[in-house]
N, C-alpha and C. Protein backbone atom coordinates (compact mmCIF):
# COMPACT_ATOMS: atom_id res chain seq x y z
N MET A 1 0.85 -1.17 0.00
CA MET A 1 0.00 0.00 0.00
C MET A 1 0.90 1.23 0.00
N VAL A 2 0.52 2.22 -0.80
CA VAL A 2 1.27 3.47 -0.85
C VAL A 2 0.85 4.31 0.35
N LEU A 3 1.79 4.59 1.23
CA LEU A 3 1.44 5.29 2.46
C LEU A 3 2.29 6.51 2.68
N GLY A 4 1.72 7.47 3.32
CA GLY A 4 2.45 8.65 3.78
C GLY A 4 2.59 8.55 5.28
N ARG A 5 2.84 9.66 5.95
CA ARG A 5 2.93 9.66 7.41
C ARG A 5 1.60 9.23 8.02
N LYS A 6 1.66 8.69 9.21
CA LYS A 6 0.48 8.27 9.97
C LYS A 6 -0.39 7.27 9.22
N ARG A 7 0.20 6.47 8.38
CA ARG A 7 -0.50 5.43 7.62
C ARG A 7 -1.65 5.98 6.78
N LYS A 8 -1.53 7.21 6.34
CA LYS A 8 -2.52 7.79 5.44
C LYS A 8 -2.05 7.57 4.01
N LEU A 9 -3.00 7.39 3.13
CA LEU A 9 -2.67 7.29 1.73
C LEU A 9 -2.11 8.62 1.25
N ILE A 10 -1.10 8.55 0.44
CA ILE A 10 -0.58 9.79 -0.14
C ILE A 10 -1.43 10.16 -1.35
N ASP A 11 -1.26 11.35 -1.87
CA ASP A 11 -2.13 11.83 -2.92
C ASP A 11 -1.90 11.18 -4.28
N THR A 12 -0.75 10.58 -4.48
CA THR A 12 -0.49 9.96 -5.77
C THR A 12 -1.23 8.65 -5.90
N GLY A 13 -1.75 8.40 -7.07
CA GLY A 13 -2.45 7.15 -7.34
C GLY A 13 -1.49 6.07 -7.78
N ILE A 14 -2.05 4.98 -8.29
CA ILE A 14 -1.20 3.87 -8.70
C ILE A 14 -1.24 3.60 -10.19
N PHE A 15 -2.20 4.18 -10.89
CA PHE A 15 -2.29 4.00 -12.34
C PHE A 15 -1.63 5.20 -13.01
N HIS A 16 -0.44 4.98 -13.57
CA HIS A 16 0.34 6.10 -14.10
C HIS A 16 0.47 6.12 -15.62
N ASP A 17 0.07 5.06 -16.30
CA ASP A 17 0.19 5.03 -17.76
C ASP A 17 -0.84 5.97 -18.36
N LYS A 18 -0.38 7.13 -18.85
CA LYS A 18 -1.30 8.16 -19.35
C LYS A 18 -2.11 7.71 -20.56
N ASP A 19 -1.66 6.67 -21.23
CA ASP A 19 -2.35 6.18 -22.42
C ASP A 19 -3.34 5.06 -22.12
N SER A 20 -3.44 4.68 -20.84
CA SER A 20 -4.28 3.54 -20.50
C SER A 20 -5.12 3.83 -19.26
N MET A 21 -6.36 4.29 -19.49
CA MET A 21 -7.28 4.54 -18.39
C MET A 21 -7.59 3.20 -17.70
N PRO A 22 -7.69 3.18 -16.37
CA PRO A 22 -7.96 1.92 -15.66
C PRO A 22 -9.31 1.32 -16.06
N SER A 23 -9.32 0.02 -16.27
CA SER A 23 -10.56 -0.68 -16.57
C SER A 23 -11.21 -1.13 -15.26
N THR A 24 -12.46 -1.54 -15.34
CA THR A 24 -13.16 -2.04 -14.15
C THR A 24 -12.44 -3.26 -13.59
N ASP A 25 -11.97 -4.14 -14.45
CA ASP A 25 -11.25 -5.33 -13.98
C ASP A 25 -9.96 -4.95 -13.26
N GLU A 26 -9.23 -3.97 -13.78
CA GLU A 26 -8.01 -3.51 -13.11
C GLU A 26 -8.34 -2.90 -11.76
N LEU A 27 -9.41 -2.10 -11.72
CA LEU A 27 -9.83 -1.50 -10.44
C LEU A 27 -10.16 -2.57 -9.42
N LYS A 28 -10.94 -3.57 -9.82
CA LYS A 28 -11.32 -4.65 -8.91
C LYS A 28 -10.07 -5.34 -8.35
N LYS A 29 -9.11 -5.59 -9.21
CA LYS A 29 -7.89 -6.28 -8.78
C LYS A 29 -7.09 -5.43 -7.79
N VAL A 30 -6.92 -4.15 -8.10
CA VAL A 30 -6.11 -3.27 -7.26
C VAL A 30 -6.83 -2.91 -5.95
N LEU A 31 -8.11 -2.58 -6.05
CA LEU A 31 -8.85 -2.16 -4.85
C LEU A 31 -9.18 -3.34 -3.93
N GLY A 32 -9.23 -4.53 -4.46
CA GLY A 32 -9.52 -5.70 -3.63
C GLY A 32 -10.87 -5.56 -2.95
N LYS A 33 -10.90 -5.81 -1.66
CA LYS A 33 -12.16 -5.77 -0.89
C LYS A 33 -12.78 -4.38 -0.85
N SER A 34 -11.99 -3.33 -1.09
CA SER A 34 -12.54 -1.98 -1.04
C SER A 34 -13.29 -1.61 -2.33
N PHE A 35 -13.22 -2.46 -3.36
CA PHE A 35 -13.94 -2.16 -4.61
C PHE A 35 -15.44 -2.02 -4.35
N VAL A 36 -15.97 -2.84 -3.46
CA VAL A 36 -17.41 -2.77 -3.16
C VAL A 36 -17.78 -1.38 -2.62
N HIS A 37 -16.88 -0.75 -1.88
CA HIS A 37 -17.14 0.59 -1.34
C HIS A 37 -17.02 1.65 -2.43
N TRP A 38 -16.05 1.47 -3.32
CA TRP A 38 -15.90 2.36 -4.49
C TRP A 38 -17.20 2.34 -5.29
N ASP A 39 -17.66 1.15 -5.60
CA ASP A 39 -18.88 0.97 -6.39
C ASP A 39 -20.10 1.55 -5.67
N ALA A 40 -20.19 1.35 -4.36
CA ALA A 40 -21.32 1.86 -3.57
C ALA A 40 -21.34 3.38 -3.56
N ILE A 41 -20.17 4.00 -3.46
CA ILE A 41 -20.11 5.47 -3.47
C ILE A 41 -20.53 6.01 -4.83
N LEU A 42 -20.06 5.39 -5.91
CA LEU A 42 -20.48 5.81 -7.25
C LEU A 42 -22.00 5.69 -7.40
N ALA A 43 -22.54 4.55 -6.99
CA ALA A 43 -23.99 4.33 -7.10
C ALA A 43 -24.76 5.35 -6.27
N PHE A 44 -24.25 5.65 -5.09
CA PHE A 44 -24.92 6.63 -4.22
C PHE A 44 -24.96 8.01 -4.88
N VAL A 45 -23.84 8.47 -5.40
CA VAL A 45 -23.81 9.78 -6.03
C VAL A 45 -24.80 9.83 -7.19
N HIS A 46 -24.79 8.81 -8.02
CA HIS A 46 -25.68 8.80 -9.18
C HIS A 46 -27.15 8.66 -8.79
N SER A 47 -27.43 8.04 -7.66
CA SER A 47 -28.83 7.95 -7.21
C SER A 47 -29.31 9.29 -6.64
N GLN A 48 -28.40 10.09 -6.13
CA GLN A 48 -28.74 11.38 -5.54
C GLN A 48 -28.69 12.53 -6.55
N CYS A 49 -27.93 12.35 -7.59
CA CYS A 49 -27.74 13.43 -8.59
C CYS A 49 -27.82 12.80 -9.98
N MET A 50 -28.99 12.89 -10.56
CA MET A 50 -29.23 12.22 -11.85
C MET A 50 -28.38 12.78 -12.99
N VAL A 51 -27.87 13.99 -12.85
CA VAL A 51 -27.05 14.58 -13.91
C VAL A 51 -25.55 14.35 -13.68
N ALA A 52 -25.21 13.61 -12.64
CA ALA A 52 -23.80 13.36 -12.35
C ALA A 52 -23.15 12.58 -13.49
N THR A 53 -21.91 12.98 -13.79
CA THR A 53 -21.13 12.29 -14.81
C THR A 53 -19.78 11.89 -14.23
N ASP A 54 -19.23 10.83 -14.76
CA ASP A 54 -17.91 10.34 -14.34
C ASP A 54 -16.89 10.70 -15.40
N GLU A 55 -15.75 11.20 -14.96
CA GLU A 55 -14.69 11.56 -15.90
C GLU A 55 -13.34 11.14 -15.33
N TRP A 56 -12.69 10.21 -16.00
CA TRP A 56 -11.34 9.84 -15.62
C TRP A 56 -10.38 10.91 -16.13
N THR A 57 -9.49 11.37 -15.25
CA THR A 57 -8.46 12.33 -15.66
C THR A 57 -7.11 11.81 -15.20
N ASN A 58 -6.10 12.20 -15.94
CA ASN A 58 -4.75 11.76 -15.59
C ASN A 58 -3.95 12.97 -15.14
N GLY A 59 -3.44 12.89 -13.91
CA GLY A 59 -2.65 13.97 -13.34
C GLY A 59 -1.17 13.88 -13.67
N GLY A 60 -0.85 13.12 -14.68
CA GLY A 60 0.53 13.00 -15.10
C GLY A 60 1.29 11.93 -14.33
N GLU A 61 2.58 11.90 -14.56
CA GLU A 61 3.45 10.88 -13.98
C GLU A 61 3.38 10.84 -12.46
N LYS A 62 3.26 12.01 -11.83
CA LYS A 62 3.27 12.06 -10.37
C LYS A 62 1.97 11.56 -9.75
N TYR A 63 0.81 11.94 -10.33
CA TYR A 63 -0.47 11.67 -9.67
C TYR A 63 -1.26 10.51 -10.27
N GLY A 64 -1.08 10.21 -11.53
CA GLY A 64 -1.80 9.11 -12.14
C GLY A 64 -3.28 9.41 -12.36
N TRP A 65 -4.05 8.35 -12.58
CA TRP A 65 -5.47 8.47 -12.90
C TRP A 65 -6.32 8.64 -11.66
N ARG A 66 -7.37 9.47 -11.79
CA ARG A 66 -8.37 9.63 -10.75
C ARG A 66 -9.72 9.81 -11.43
N LEU A 67 -10.77 9.49 -10.70
CA LEU A 67 -12.12 9.61 -11.23
C LEU A 67 -12.79 10.83 -10.62
N LEU A 68 -13.23 11.75 -11.47
CA LEU A 68 -13.98 12.92 -11.03
C LEU A 68 -15.46 12.64 -11.25
N ILE A 69 -16.27 12.91 -10.24
CA ILE A 69 -17.72 12.83 -10.40
C ILE A 69 -18.23 14.26 -10.33
N LYS A 70 -18.90 14.67 -11.40
CA LYS A 70 -19.32 16.07 -11.55
C LYS A 70 -20.83 16.17 -11.69
N ASP A 71 -21.37 17.31 -11.24
CA ASP A 71 -22.72 17.65 -11.63
C ASP A 71 -22.58 18.67 -12.77
N THR A 72 -23.59 19.42 -13.09
CA THR A 72 -23.49 20.33 -14.23
C THR A 72 -22.59 21.53 -13.99
N LYS A 73 -22.30 21.85 -12.70
CA LYS A 73 -21.54 23.06 -12.38
C LYS A 73 -20.16 22.82 -11.78
N ARG A 74 -19.94 21.66 -11.17
CA ARG A 74 -18.73 21.52 -10.36
C ARG A 74 -18.37 20.05 -10.16
N ILE A 75 -17.18 19.86 -9.61
CA ILE A 75 -16.75 18.53 -9.20
C ILE A 75 -17.36 18.25 -7.83
N LEU A 76 -18.10 17.17 -7.73
CA LEU A 76 -18.69 16.78 -6.44
C LEU A 76 -17.64 16.09 -5.58
N VAL A 77 -16.89 15.17 -6.20
CA VAL A 77 -15.93 14.37 -5.46
C VAL A 77 -14.93 13.77 -6.43
N SER A 78 -13.75 13.49 -5.93
CA SER A 78 -12.69 12.86 -6.71
C SER A 78 -12.27 11.58 -6.00
N LEU A 79 -12.08 10.50 -6.76
CA LEU A 79 -11.65 9.22 -6.19
C LEU A 79 -10.34 8.79 -6.84
N THR A 80 -9.35 8.49 -6.02
CA THR A 80 -8.05 8.04 -6.51
C THR A 80 -7.78 6.64 -6.00
N PRO A 81 -7.63 5.66 -6.90
CA PRO A 81 -7.40 4.28 -6.46
C PRO A 81 -6.00 4.06 -5.90
N HIS A 82 -5.94 3.19 -4.90
CA HIS A 82 -4.69 2.73 -4.29
C HIS A 82 -4.82 1.22 -4.08
N HIS A 83 -3.78 0.58 -3.61
CA HIS A 83 -3.85 -0.85 -3.32
C HIS A 83 -4.74 -1.07 -2.10
N ASN A 84 -5.84 -1.81 -2.28
CA ASN A 84 -6.77 -2.18 -1.22
C ASN A 84 -7.46 -0.99 -0.53
N ALA A 85 -7.47 0.16 -1.16
CA ALA A 85 -8.10 1.36 -0.60
C ALA A 85 -8.21 2.41 -1.70
N PHE A 86 -8.88 3.51 -1.39
CA PHE A 86 -8.90 4.65 -2.31
C PHE A 86 -9.08 5.92 -1.50
N LYS A 87 -8.68 7.03 -2.11
CA LYS A 87 -8.79 8.33 -1.47
C LYS A 87 -9.93 9.10 -2.14
N VAL A 88 -10.81 9.66 -1.31
CA VAL A 88 -11.90 10.50 -1.77
C VAL A 88 -11.55 11.93 -1.37
N VAL A 89 -11.58 12.84 -2.33
CA VAL A 89 -11.25 14.24 -2.05
C VAL A 89 -12.47 15.11 -2.33
N PHE A 90 -12.75 15.99 -1.37
CA PHE A 90 -13.85 16.94 -1.45
C PHE A 90 -13.32 18.36 -1.27
N VAL A 91 -14.08 19.33 -1.75
CA VAL A 91 -13.89 20.73 -1.38
C VAL A 91 -15.24 21.20 -0.85
N PHE A 92 -15.24 21.73 0.39
CA PHE A 92 -16.47 22.17 1.04
C PHE A 92 -16.44 23.67 1.28
N GLY A 93 -17.52 24.32 0.89
CA GLY A 93 -17.73 25.72 1.23
C GLY A 93 -18.11 25.84 2.70
N ILE A 94 -18.28 27.05 3.18
CA ILE A 94 -18.50 27.30 4.61
C ILE A 94 -19.80 26.67 5.12
N LYS A 95 -20.88 26.72 4.35
CA LYS A 95 -22.15 26.13 4.81
C LYS A 95 -22.03 24.61 4.96
N ALA A 96 -21.45 23.97 3.97
CA ALA A 96 -21.26 22.51 4.05
C ALA A 96 -20.29 22.16 5.18
N TYR A 97 -19.24 22.95 5.31
CA TYR A 97 -18.25 22.75 6.38
C TYR A 97 -18.94 22.78 7.74
N ASP A 98 -19.75 23.81 7.98
CA ASP A 98 -20.45 23.93 9.26
C ASP A 98 -21.40 22.76 9.49
N MET A 99 -22.08 22.34 8.44
CA MET A 99 -23.04 21.23 8.58
C MET A 99 -22.33 19.92 8.91
N ILE A 100 -21.20 19.69 8.30
CA ILE A 100 -20.44 18.46 8.58
C ILE A 100 -19.93 18.47 10.02
N LEU A 101 -19.41 19.62 10.46
CA LEU A 101 -18.89 19.69 11.82
C LEU A 101 -19.98 19.49 12.87
N SER A 102 -21.19 19.83 12.54
CA SER A 102 -22.28 19.63 13.49
C SER A 102 -23.00 18.29 13.26
N GLY A 103 -22.54 17.54 12.27
CA GLY A 103 -23.20 16.29 11.90
C GLY A 103 -22.62 15.05 12.56
N ARG A 104 -23.01 13.92 11.99
CA ARG A 104 -22.67 12.63 12.58
C ARG A 104 -21.57 11.93 11.79
N VAL A 105 -20.41 12.54 11.73
CA VAL A 105 -19.23 11.88 11.18
C VAL A 105 -18.20 11.79 12.29
N SER A 106 -17.22 10.96 12.09
CA SER A 106 -16.23 10.70 13.14
C SER A 106 -15.43 11.94 13.51
N LYS A 107 -14.89 11.91 14.72
CA LYS A 107 -14.03 13.01 15.18
C LYS A 107 -12.80 13.13 14.28
N ARG A 108 -12.30 12.00 13.81
CA ARG A 108 -11.12 12.02 12.94
C ARG A 108 -11.41 12.81 11.67
N ILE A 109 -12.56 12.56 11.06
CA ILE A 109 -12.91 13.29 9.83
C ILE A 109 -13.15 14.76 10.14
N LYS A 110 -13.81 15.07 11.24
CA LYS A 110 -14.02 16.46 11.63
C LYS A 110 -12.68 17.17 11.85
N ASN A 111 -11.74 16.50 12.50
CA ASN A 111 -10.42 17.09 12.71
C ASN A 111 -9.69 17.29 11.40
N ASP A 112 -9.76 16.29 10.51
CA ASP A 112 -9.14 16.43 9.19
C ASP A 112 -9.72 17.64 8.46
N LEU A 113 -11.04 17.82 8.56
CA LEU A 113 -11.69 18.94 7.88
C LEU A 113 -11.29 20.27 8.50
N LYS A 114 -11.23 20.32 9.83
CA LYS A 114 -10.82 21.55 10.52
C LYS A 114 -9.40 21.96 10.12
N ASN A 115 -8.54 20.95 9.92
CA ASN A 115 -7.14 21.21 9.60
C ASN A 115 -6.86 21.26 8.10
N ALA A 116 -7.91 21.16 7.30
CA ALA A 116 -7.75 21.10 5.85
C ALA A 116 -7.27 22.42 5.28
N GLN A 117 -6.59 22.29 4.16
CA GLN A 117 -6.12 23.47 3.42
C GLN A 117 -7.32 24.25 2.92
N VAL A 118 -7.27 25.57 3.07
CA VAL A 118 -8.33 26.45 2.59
C VAL A 118 -7.87 27.08 1.29
N ASN A 119 -8.74 26.99 0.27
CA ASN A 119 -8.45 27.66 -0.99
C ASN A 119 -9.65 28.52 -1.38
N ALA A 120 -9.65 29.06 -2.56
CA ALA A 120 -10.71 29.98 -2.99
C ALA A 120 -12.10 29.33 -2.98
N GLU A 121 -12.16 28.03 -3.18
CA GLU A 121 -13.45 27.34 -3.24
C GLU A 121 -13.91 26.82 -1.88
N GLY A 122 -13.02 26.76 -0.91
CA GLY A 122 -13.37 26.24 0.41
C GLY A 122 -12.27 25.39 0.99
N ARG A 123 -12.65 24.44 1.83
CA ARG A 123 -11.69 23.54 2.48
C ARG A 123 -11.61 22.23 1.72
N GLU A 124 -10.40 21.84 1.38
CA GLU A 124 -10.16 20.60 0.65
C GLU A 124 -9.70 19.52 1.62
N VAL A 125 -10.40 18.39 1.62
CA VAL A 125 -10.06 17.31 2.53
C VAL A 125 -10.07 15.99 1.78
N GLY A 126 -9.11 15.14 2.11
CA GLY A 126 -9.04 13.80 1.54
C GLY A 126 -9.34 12.76 2.60
N ILE A 127 -10.19 11.80 2.26
CA ILE A 127 -10.59 10.75 3.19
C ILE A 127 -10.15 9.41 2.61
N ASP A 128 -9.42 8.63 3.39
CA ASP A 128 -8.98 7.30 2.97
C ASP A 128 -10.09 6.30 3.25
N VAL A 129 -10.52 5.58 2.21
CA VAL A 129 -11.61 4.62 2.36
C VAL A 129 -11.05 3.20 2.25
N ARG A 130 -11.23 2.47 3.34
CA ARG A 130 -10.80 1.06 3.41
C ARG A 130 -11.92 0.15 3.89
N ASN A 131 -13.00 0.74 4.45
CA ASN A 131 -14.05 -0.09 5.04
C ASN A 131 -15.41 0.58 4.90
N LYS A 132 -16.45 -0.16 5.25
CA LYS A 132 -17.84 0.31 5.10
C LYS A 132 -18.14 1.51 5.99
N LEU A 133 -17.61 1.52 7.19
CA LEU A 133 -17.88 2.64 8.11
C LEU A 133 -17.45 3.97 7.50
N VAL A 134 -16.25 4.02 6.97
CA VAL A 134 -15.76 5.26 6.35
C VAL A 134 -16.52 5.54 5.05
N ALA A 135 -16.82 4.50 4.27
CA ALA A 135 -17.59 4.69 3.04
C ALA A 135 -18.95 5.31 3.36
N ASP A 136 -19.58 4.88 4.44
CA ASP A 136 -20.87 5.45 4.83
C ASP A 136 -20.72 6.90 5.26
N GLU A 137 -19.62 7.24 5.93
CA GLU A 137 -19.38 8.64 6.29
C GLU A 137 -19.17 9.49 5.04
N VAL A 138 -18.48 8.93 4.06
CA VAL A 138 -18.27 9.63 2.79
C VAL A 138 -19.61 9.91 2.12
N LYS A 139 -20.52 8.95 2.16
CA LYS A 139 -21.86 9.16 1.58
C LYS A 139 -22.58 10.31 2.28
N THR A 140 -22.46 10.38 3.60
CA THR A 140 -23.06 11.49 4.35
C THR A 140 -22.48 12.81 3.89
N MET A 141 -21.16 12.85 3.70
CA MET A 141 -20.50 14.07 3.26
C MET A 141 -20.90 14.45 1.83
N ILE A 142 -21.10 13.44 0.98
CA ILE A 142 -21.55 13.69 -0.39
C ILE A 142 -22.95 14.31 -0.37
N ALA A 143 -23.82 13.77 0.46
CA ALA A 143 -25.18 14.31 0.56
C ALA A 143 -25.15 15.78 0.97
N ILE A 144 -24.29 16.10 1.91
CA ILE A 144 -24.15 17.50 2.35
C ILE A 144 -23.57 18.35 1.22
N LYS A 145 -22.57 17.84 0.55
CA LYS A 145 -21.93 18.57 -0.57
C LYS A 145 -22.97 18.91 -1.63
N MET A 146 -23.89 17.99 -1.90
CA MET A 146 -24.88 18.23 -2.95
C MET A 146 -25.92 19.28 -2.55
N LEU A 147 -26.06 19.51 -1.23
CA LEU A 147 -26.99 20.55 -0.78
C LEU A 147 -26.43 21.95 -0.97
N TYR A 148 -25.09 22.06 -0.93
CA TYR A 148 -24.47 23.39 -0.98
C TYR A 148 -23.52 23.51 -2.13
């Protein structure tokens, strides 16, 4: 598993061949047991936002392939595959940020969000998904993101 400090996934993905977008079979093999959570998050977004589209983008040699899920105006969420896990990246504006902090997600995610980098669009936070509990928290955050 590609890891950074504190056993967190680093931002770089594992699919680096710019000429070869990852196939579903490759994703299943690399994600292992976490593929079911990847698939559940995709299904959840599309069930909540009928205009959502999926777009694979390649961040070059350093970052590799990631999947952007967009509505008509913005990126809702980004998913980057890793070995047996994946990273979900969000950007939250102030209203969504406040709602998440007052909501029912783990203290770890709230702390990550509080400490997240702030840019012109809001706070950017990456969540490592390895299990159903975190995948369910990600779905909660997606629902909030779609409100604001």
